[in-house]
Protein backbone atom coordinates (compact mmCIF):
# COMPACT_ATOMS: atom_id res chain seq x y z
CA MET A 1 15.27 -2.20 23.08
CA MET A 2 11.75 -3.00 24.17
CA GLY A 3 8.34 -1.52 24.22
CA VAL A 4 6.82 -0.44 27.54
CA GLY A 5 3.15 -0.93 27.85
CA GLY A 6 1.57 -0.44 24.41
CA GLU A 7 -1.33 1.35 22.78
CA GLU A 8 -3.86 -0.31 20.57
CA TYR A 9 -5.32 1.19 17.45
CA ILE A 10 -8.39 -0.73 16.32
CA GLN A 11 -10.18 -0.77 12.97
CA TRP A 12 -13.53 -2.53 12.37
CA ASN A 13 -16.05 -2.30 9.55
CA LEU A 14 -19.15 -3.57 11.50
CA ARG A 15 -21.63 -3.52 8.58
CA GLY A 16 -24.15 -1.28 10.28
CA ILE A 17 -25.57 -0.59 13.76
CA ALA A 18 -28.62 1.58 12.68
CA ASP A 19 -31.05 -1.31 12.85
CA LYS A 20 -32.18 -1.12 16.50
CA ALA A 21 -33.81 -4.60 16.32
CA ARG A 22 -30.59 -6.39 15.22
CA ARG A 23 -27.74 -4.37 16.73
CA LYS A 24 -27.68 -5.57 20.33
CA ALA A 25 -24.97 -8.20 19.88
CA LYS A 26 -22.69 -5.82 17.94
CA ILE A 27 -22.98 -3.17 20.66
CA GLN A 28 -22.13 -5.72 23.26
CA LYS A 29 -19.02 -6.63 21.22
CA ILE A 30 -18.08 -2.91 21.05
CA GLU A 31 -18.48 -2.58 24.81
CA ASN A 32 -16.31 -5.69 25.35
CA ILE A 33 -13.56 -4.15 23.26
CA LEU A 34 -13.68 -0.89 25.15
CA GLU A 35 -13.35 -2.63 28.49
CA LYS A 36 -9.60 -2.69 28.05
CA VAL A 37 -9.52 1.06 28.53
CA SER A 38 -5.86 1.29 29.74
CA ARG A 39 -4.60 -0.09 26.42
CA ILE A 40 -7.00 1.20 23.68
CA LYS A 41 -6.14 4.53 22.24
CA ILE A 42 -8.42 4.48 19.21
CA LEU A 43 -11.41 2.34 18.14
CA ASN A 44 -12.42 3.24 14.63
CA LEU A 45 -15.80 1.96 13.60
CA GLN A 46 -16.89 2.25 9.95
CA GLU A 47 -19.97 1.54 7.87
CA THR A 48 -22.15 2.44 10.91
CA HIS A 49 -25.18 3.36 8.71
CA LEU A 50 -26.01 5.97 11.40
CA ILE A 51 -27.70 9.06 9.97
CA SER A 52 -28.12 11.35 13.03
CA ASP A 53 -27.67 11.54 16.80
CA ALA A 54 -31.12 9.95 17.17
CA ASP A 55 -29.64 6.68 15.72
CA VAL A 56 -26.72 6.48 18.13
CA PRO A 57 -27.06 3.54 20.57
CA PRO A 58 -27.91 5.03 23.96
CA SER A 59 -25.50 2.63 25.70
CA PHE A 60 -22.53 4.54 24.15
CA LYS A 61 -23.17 7.21 26.78
CA LYS A 62 -21.89 4.70 29.45
CA VAL A 63 -18.29 5.25 28.24
CA LYS A 64 -18.46 9.04 27.53
CA HIS A 65 -16.48 9.69 30.72
CA ILE A 66 -13.62 7.55 29.42
CA PHE A 67 -13.72 8.08 25.59
CA HIS A 68 -14.40 11.03 23.32
CA ILE A 69 -17.02 9.79 20.77
CA ILE A 70 -16.77 11.36 17.31
CA HIS A 71 -19.35 10.70 14.60
CA SER A 72 -19.43 11.42 10.94
CA PHE A 73 -22.86 10.39 9.96
CA ALA A 74 -23.94 8.71 6.69
CA SER A 75 -25.84 10.95 4.32
CA MET A 76 -29.23 10.21 2.66
CA ASN A 77 -27.29 9.72 -0.66
CA ASP A 78 -24.69 7.50 0.90
CA ARG A 79 -26.52 5.53 3.54
CA GLY A 80 -23.95 2.70 3.51
CA ALA A 81 -21.33 5.16 5.01
CA GLY A 82 -20.80 6.36 8.55
CA ILE A 83 -17.85 6.61 10.96
CA CYS A 84 -17.75 6.44 14.74
CA ILE A 85 -14.40 6.95 16.54
CA PHE A 86 -13.73 6.24 20.22
CA VAL A 87 -10.71 8.23 21.46
CA ASN A 88 -9.28 7.54 24.94
CA LYS A 89 -9.57 10.62 27.09
CA THR A 90 -5.86 10.47 27.90
CA GLU A 91 -5.80 12.57 24.67
CA ASN A 92 -7.23 16.04 24.14
CA ILE A 93 -8.82 16.69 20.76
CA MET A 94 -7.16 19.81 19.40
CA ILE A 95 -8.64 19.70 15.93
CA GLN A 96 -11.73 17.78 14.64
CA GLU A 97 -12.65 17.99 10.90
CA GLU A 98 -15.05 16.11 8.69
CA LEU A 99 -13.32 16.11 5.34
CA LEU A 100 -15.85 13.91 3.58
CA GLU A 101 -19.30 13.23 5.03
CA GLY A 102 -19.43 9.73 6.48
CA ARG A 103 -16.21 8.76 4.75
CA LEU A 104 -13.22 10.79 5.96
CA VAL A 105 -12.46 12.34 9.38
CA TYR A 106 -9.31 14.07 10.56
CA LEU A 107 -8.39 14.42 14.33
CA ARG A 108 -5.40 16.08 15.89
CA LEU A 109 -4.78 14.69 19.36
CA GLN A 110 -2.43 15.82 22.18
CA ASN A 111 -1.56 13.51 25.07
CA LYS A 112 -2.45 15.15 28.41
CA ALA A 113 0.68 13.91 30.21
CA SER A 114 3.46 14.00 27.52
CA GLU A 115 1.87 16.68 25.23
CA GLU A 116 2.85 14.47 22.28
CA THR A 117 0.60 15.00 19.32
CA LYS A 118 -0.88 12.44 16.92
CA ASN A 119 -2.69 13.00 13.63
CA ILE A 120 -5.51 10.45 13.02
CA PHE A 121 -7.41 9.86 9.83
CA SER A 122 -10.36 7.61 9.43
CA PHE A 123 -10.90 6.73 5.78
CA TYR A 124 -13.78 4.64 4.53
CA GLY A 125 -13.19 4.13 0.76
CA LYS A 126 -16.14 4.10 -1.59
CA SER A 127 -15.92 1.05 -3.87
CA ARG A 128 -17.95 2.71 -6.62
CA ASN A 129 -15.44 5.52 -7.04
CA ASN A 130 -13.87 6.09 -10.45
CA SER A 131 -10.23 6.96 -10.68
CA ILE A 132 -10.97 10.75 -10.57
CA GLU A 133 -13.07 10.37 -7.42
CA TRP A 134 -10.43 8.21 -5.73
CA ALA A 135 -7.77 10.85 -6.50
CA ASN A 136 -10.04 13.57 -5.13
CA HIS A 137 -10.68 11.72 -1.86
CA ILE A 138 -7.08 10.60 -1.33
CA ASN A 139 -5.78 14.11 -2.11
CA LEU A 140 -7.83 15.41 0.77
CA ILE A 141 -5.54 13.31 3.10
CA LYS A 142 -2.38 14.27 1.23
CA SER A 143 -3.14 17.93 1.19
CA LYS A 144 -3.83 17.95 4.99
CA ILE A 145 -0.54 16.15 5.70
CA THR A 146 1.74 18.07 3.38
CA LYS A 147 0.36 21.60 3.92
CA ASN A 148 0.53 21.18 7.74
CA ASN A 149 3.80 19.17 7.82
CA LEU A 150 2.02 16.56 9.98
CA GLU A 151 3.96 13.88 11.89
CA ASN A 152 2.88 10.92 13.92
CA VAL A 153 0.26 10.13 11.32
CA PHE A 154 -2.22 7.17 11.50
CA ILE A 155 -4.76 6.32 8.69
CA LEU A 156 -7.20 3.63 9.80
CA GLY A 157 -9.87 2.29 7.47
CA ASP A 158 -11.69 -0.10 5.24
CA PHE A 159 -10.12 1.15 2.04
CA ASN A 160 -12.14 -1.04 -0.30
CA PHE A 161 -9.03 -1.49 -2.45
CA VAL A 162 -5.70 -3.30 -2.11
CA THR A 163 -2.29 -2.22 -3.38
CA MET A 164 -0.54 -5.70 -3.49
CA ARG A 165 -1.53 -8.80 -5.38
CA ILE A 166 -0.96 -11.01 -2.32
CA ASP A 167 -3.75 -9.08 -0.58
CA ARG A 168 -6.39 -10.75 -2.84
CA ASN A 169 -6.96 -14.52 -2.97
CA SER A 170 -7.14 -14.14 -6.75
CA HIS A 171 -3.52 -12.73 -6.69
CA THR A 172 -4.54 -10.08 -9.17
CA LEU A 173 -5.56 -6.45 -8.74
CA ASN A 174 -9.13 -5.77 -9.82
CA GLY A 175 -10.65 -2.65 -11.43
CA ILE A 176 -11.30 -0.91 -8.13
CA ASP A 177 -7.66 -1.49 -7.06
CA ASN A 178 -6.34 -0.17 -10.31
CA ALA A 179 -8.53 2.97 -10.13
CA ALA A 180 -7.18 3.81 -6.65
CA LEU A 181 -3.59 2.57 -6.92
CA LYS A 182 -1.67 5.47 -8.44
CA SER A 183 -3.26 8.08 -6.12
CA TRP A 184 -2.60 6.00 -3.02
CA GLN A 185 0.99 5.30 -4.06
CA ASP A 186 1.55 8.94 -4.52
CA LEU A 187 0.21 9.58 -1.03
CA GLU A 188 2.50 6.89 0.48
CA ASP A 189 5.58 8.23 -1.33
CA GLU A 190 5.07 11.99 -0.61
CA CYS A 191 4.01 11.45 3.05
CA SER A 192 6.29 8.56 3.91
CA LEU A 193 3.44 6.28 4.91
CA LEU A 194 3.78 2.53 5.65
CA ASP A 195 1.34 -0.26 5.92
CA SER A 196 1.79 -1.16 9.62
CA PHE A 197 1.07 -4.91 9.06
CA ARG A 198 3.68 -5.15 6.32
CA ILE A 199 6.40 -3.69 8.59
CA THR A 200 6.46 -6.90 10.65
CA SER A 201 4.98 -9.33 8.05
CA PRO A 202 6.19 -8.33 4.56
CA LYS A 203 5.03 -11.57 2.83
CA ARG A 204 2.40 -13.03 5.09
CA ILE A 205 -0.95 -13.69 3.47
CA ILE A 206 -4.05 -12.94 5.44
CA TYR A 207 -7.49 -11.57 4.53
CA THR A 208 -9.72 -9.23 6.52
CA TYR A 209 -12.83 -9.47 4.27
CA SER A 210 -14.69 -12.39 2.95
CA HIS A 211 -17.32 -11.78 0.24
CA THR A 212 -20.78 -13.23 0.72
CA ASP A 213 -20.06 -15.48 -2.36
CA ARG A 214 -17.48 -17.19 -0.12
CA LYS A 215 -15.04 -17.05 -3.00
CA SER A 216 -13.48 -13.56 -2.94
CA LYS A 217 -11.21 -12.63 -0.01
CA SER A 218 -9.07 -9.58 0.44
CA ARG A 219 -7.15 -7.49 2.99
CA LEU A 220 -9.25 -4.27 2.62
CA ASP A 221 -8.90 -3.22 6.25
CA ARG A 222 -5.54 -1.68 7.09
CA ILE A 223 -3.86 0.84 9.30
CA TYR A 224 -1.12 2.95 7.92
CA ILE A 225 1.46 4.93 9.93
CA GLY A 226 4.10 7.54 9.28
CA ALA A 227 7.61 6.11 8.72
CA ASP A 228 8.68 7.92 11.96
CA LEU A 229 6.57 5.45 13.92
CA ALA A 230 7.82 2.28 12.18
CA THR A 231 10.09 1.14 14.96
CA LYS A 232 7.26 1.34 17.46
CA VAL A 233 5.02 -1.30 15.78
CA GLU A 234 4.92 -4.30 18.08
CA ALA A 235 2.25 -6.48 16.52
CA THR A 236 -0.86 -6.73 14.36
CA ASN A 237 -3.67 -9.03 15.36
CA PHE A 238 -6.88 -9.99 13.56
CA ASP A 239 -10.10 -11.04 15.36
CA THR A 240 -12.80 -12.89 13.53
CA SER A 241 -16.26 -11.76 14.35
CA CYS A 242 -19.57 -13.44 13.50
CA PHE A 243 -21.17 -9.98 13.49
CA SER A 244 -19.50 -8.74 10.25
CA ASP A 245 -17.77 -10.08 7.17
CA HIS A 246 -14.77 -7.90 8.12
CA LYS A 247 -12.22 -8.89 10.77
CA ILE A 248 -11.23 -6.55 13.56
CA VAL A 249 -7.66 -5.26 12.98
CA ARG A 250 -5.59 -4.41 16.04
CA VAL A 251 -2.23 -2.71 15.81
CA ARG A 252 -0.16 -2.39 18.98
CA ILE A 253 2.22 0.63 19.19
CA ALA A 254 4.88 0.94 21.91
CA ASN A 255 4.06 4.11 23.79
CA LYS A 256 7.69 4.35 25.11
CA VAL A 257 10.85 2.74 23.96
CA GLU A 258 13.34 1.91 26.73
CA ARG A 259 17.01 1.52 25.85
CA GLY A 260 19.73 0.28 28.12
CA ASN A 261 22.96 2.24 28.64
CA GLY A 262 24.83 -0.08 26.29
CA SER A 263 28.28 0.66 25.03
CA TRP A 264 29.21 2.76 22.05
CA MET A 265 30.86 0.99 19.09
CA PHE A 266 32.85 2.79 16.36
CA ASN A 267 31.43 1.94 12.94
CA ASN A 268 34.45 0.51 11.05
CA THR A 269 32.93 1.19 7.66
CA LEU A 270 33.47 4.98 8.27
CA ILE A 271 37.26 4.34 7.83
CA ASN A 272 36.52 4.08 4.11
CA ASP A 273 34.33 7.20 4.04
CA ASN A 274 36.41 10.13 2.76
CA GLU A 275 33.92 12.77 3.91
CA PHE A 276 34.01 11.33 7.50
CA LEU A 277 37.84 11.16 7.40
CA ASP A 278 37.99 14.82 6.47
CA LEU A 279 35.87 15.72 9.43
CA LEU A 280 37.92 13.55 11.69
CA ARG A 281 41.27 14.96 10.52
CA ASN A 282 39.94 18.45 11.22
CA GLU A 283 38.77 17.46 14.71
CA VAL A 284 42.24 15.93 15.49
CA ARG A 285 43.99 19.16 14.31
CA LEU A 286 41.76 21.19 16.61
CA SER A 287 42.39 18.81 19.55
CA ALA A 288 46.15 19.21 19.01
CA GLU A 289 45.86 22.92 19.95
CA PHE A 290 44.84 21.82 23.44
CA ARG A 291 47.52 19.20 24.05
CA ASN A 292 49.42 21.36 26.51
CA THR A 293 46.54 21.70 28.82
CA PHE A 294 46.66 17.94 29.65
CA ASP A 295 49.25 16.63 32.14
CA LEU A 296 48.95 13.06 30.90
CA LYS A 297 48.74 11.59 27.37
CA ARG A 298 45.99 9.40 28.59
CA GLU A 299 43.88 12.35 29.47
CA LEU A 300 44.53 13.80 26.01
CA TRP A 301 43.49 10.43 24.43
CA ASP A 302 40.27 10.41 26.50
CA TYR A 303 39.51 13.89 25.32
CA GLN A 304 40.13 12.91 21.67
CA LYS A 305 38.02 9.76 22.06
CA MET A 306 35.14 11.88 23.31
CA ASN A 307 35.42 14.12 20.24
CA ILE A 308 35.77 11.20 17.80
CA GLN A 309 32.62 9.61 19.33
CA SER A 310 30.69 12.95 19.01
CA VAL A 311 31.71 13.50 15.40
CA ALA A 312 31.08 9.84 14.41
CA ARG A 313 27.59 9.83 16.04
CA MET A 314 26.50 13.07 14.41
CA TYR A 315 27.77 11.93 11.01
CA SER A 316 26.33 8.41 11.36
CA THR A 317 22.91 9.77 12.24
CA LYS A 318 22.93 11.98 9.16
CA LYS A 319 24.14 9.12 7.00
CA ALA A 320 21.65 6.65 8.51
CA GLN A 321 18.75 9.05 7.67
CA SER A 322 19.99 9.07 4.09
CA LYS A 323 20.27 5.32 4.02
CA ARG A 324 16.71 4.94 5.41
CA ASN A 325 15.35 7.15 2.72
CA GLU A 326 17.21 5.12 0.04
CA ILE A 327 15.94 1.88 1.45
CA TYR A 328 12.33 3.26 1.51
CA GLN A 329 12.61 4.29 -2.13
CA ILE A 330 14.08 1.02 -3.21
CA LYS A 331 11.37 -0.95 -1.19
CA ASN A 332 8.64 1.07 -2.92
CA GLU A 333 10.06 0.31 -6.41
CA ILE A 334 10.37 -3.43 -5.58
CA GLU A 335 6.74 -3.47 -4.41
CA GLN A 336 5.60 -1.74 -7.60
CA LEU A 337 7.45 -4.36 -9.73
CA GLU A 338 6.02 -7.20 -7.62
CA ARG A 339 2.53 -5.89 -8.19
CA LEU A 340 2.83 -6.20 -11.96
CA HIS A 341 0.55 -8.58 -13.63
CA SER A 342 2.44 -11.46 -15.26
CA VAL A 343 1.36 -10.19 -18.66
CA TYR A 344 3.42 -7.00 -18.14
CA ILE A 345 6.51 -8.62 -16.69
CA THR A 346 9.47 -8.10 -19.15
CA GLU A 347 13.07 -9.28 -19.05
CA ASP A 348 14.08 -5.66 -18.22
CA SER A 349 11.66 -5.60 -15.28
CA LYS A 350 12.98 -8.93 -14.01
CA LEU A 351 16.61 -7.56 -14.26
CA ARG A 352 15.68 -4.35 -12.56
CA LEU A 353 13.92 -6.30 -9.64
CA ASN A 354 17.10 -8.45 -9.22
CA GLN A 355 19.30 -5.29 -9.15
CA LEU A 356 17.04 -3.69 -6.54
CA GLN A 357 16.91 -6.78 -4.31
CA GLU A 358 20.74 -7.08 -4.38
CA LYS A 359 21.05 -3.41 -3.57
CA MET A 360 18.58 -3.74 -0.69
CA ALA A 361 20.57 -6.76 0.67
CA ASN A 362 23.79 -4.74 0.60
CA LEU A 363 22.12 -1.78 2.35
CA LYS A 364 20.93 -4.08 5.10
CA LYS A 365 24.24 -5.67 5.84
CA LYS A 366 25.11 -5.55 9.53
CA ILE A 367 27.56 -2.85 10.48
CA GLN A 368 30.87 -4.06 11.88
CA GLY A 369 32.19 -2.12 14.88
CA MET A 370 34.83 -1.96 17.50
CA LYS A 371 35.23 -0.26 20.89
CA LEU A 372 37.77 2.61 21.24
CA ARG A 373 39.79 1.86 24.30
């Protein structure tokens, strides 16, 4: 299995481009990023500080024939906000909604060639939020996804909180993190969202933001995707920029997955599955009714092999989905236990963590198979 081509989804908090006297270098950086037009699907800029169309850099017009440009301007009461999204014109914009001024935008895209749809959220978290405000803002995303049964979901942003201790160089969650954590975990669980970086790098430590005090570092900038896209994540890259204290985050998604013809293998573990055996016995009984229509036993066996393969594939697909859901739930519980501060770690929580890790290892054991000849 391999990705063909690849689409880039890019997140960057650029710390303002409203100051006309000081923005030239940043604008040049944006233009350099957009030059790779064949690969870039989304460039999500946050903390633009732009208040109105009059503040938008005139040079952005040079790429309007290639990219849709969507703004959610900062308000006078929240001048540090602002979102600007560049969307490749290989996509049609079906829906465009500002859910929170300067902080949250929703786009529904449809590819002009394949007609595949994507649901894009740009979320710039407000660090001064209390737990109720975090819940209200995050629930705007959750409500949009759940009420509309959205698939192919992407959430790009500077969230201004982290959910794992390894994403802060202090290795502890701070007050902002704890205020947002429960609401965000509920969103992840209910909408089957995954941190795209953690799919390929579950334990790697890297930071996207460095505080001006040069002491505090964290991975505030992230891109989440729906679990249905997890197998398409090819890589996450981080570009350091002298124009902002935030790194540029790039996630590459395979836009097509090619599979060879391969050869089908019977999953030997199904032999110990009573539900599958009942299905198989029934299939063999039905096949026996047609035995007189075959001149050779070999032809009958070929027919039965085809039926066994069909039943096994359908059953395995159903079982695999159930297994993936179980792995996802276990993974979430493991992460929650690993996030606990050392003060709250008990012997029971250590035992539970060991049990979950053992269960996860058993679920991920490689399937043994054989060819039916």
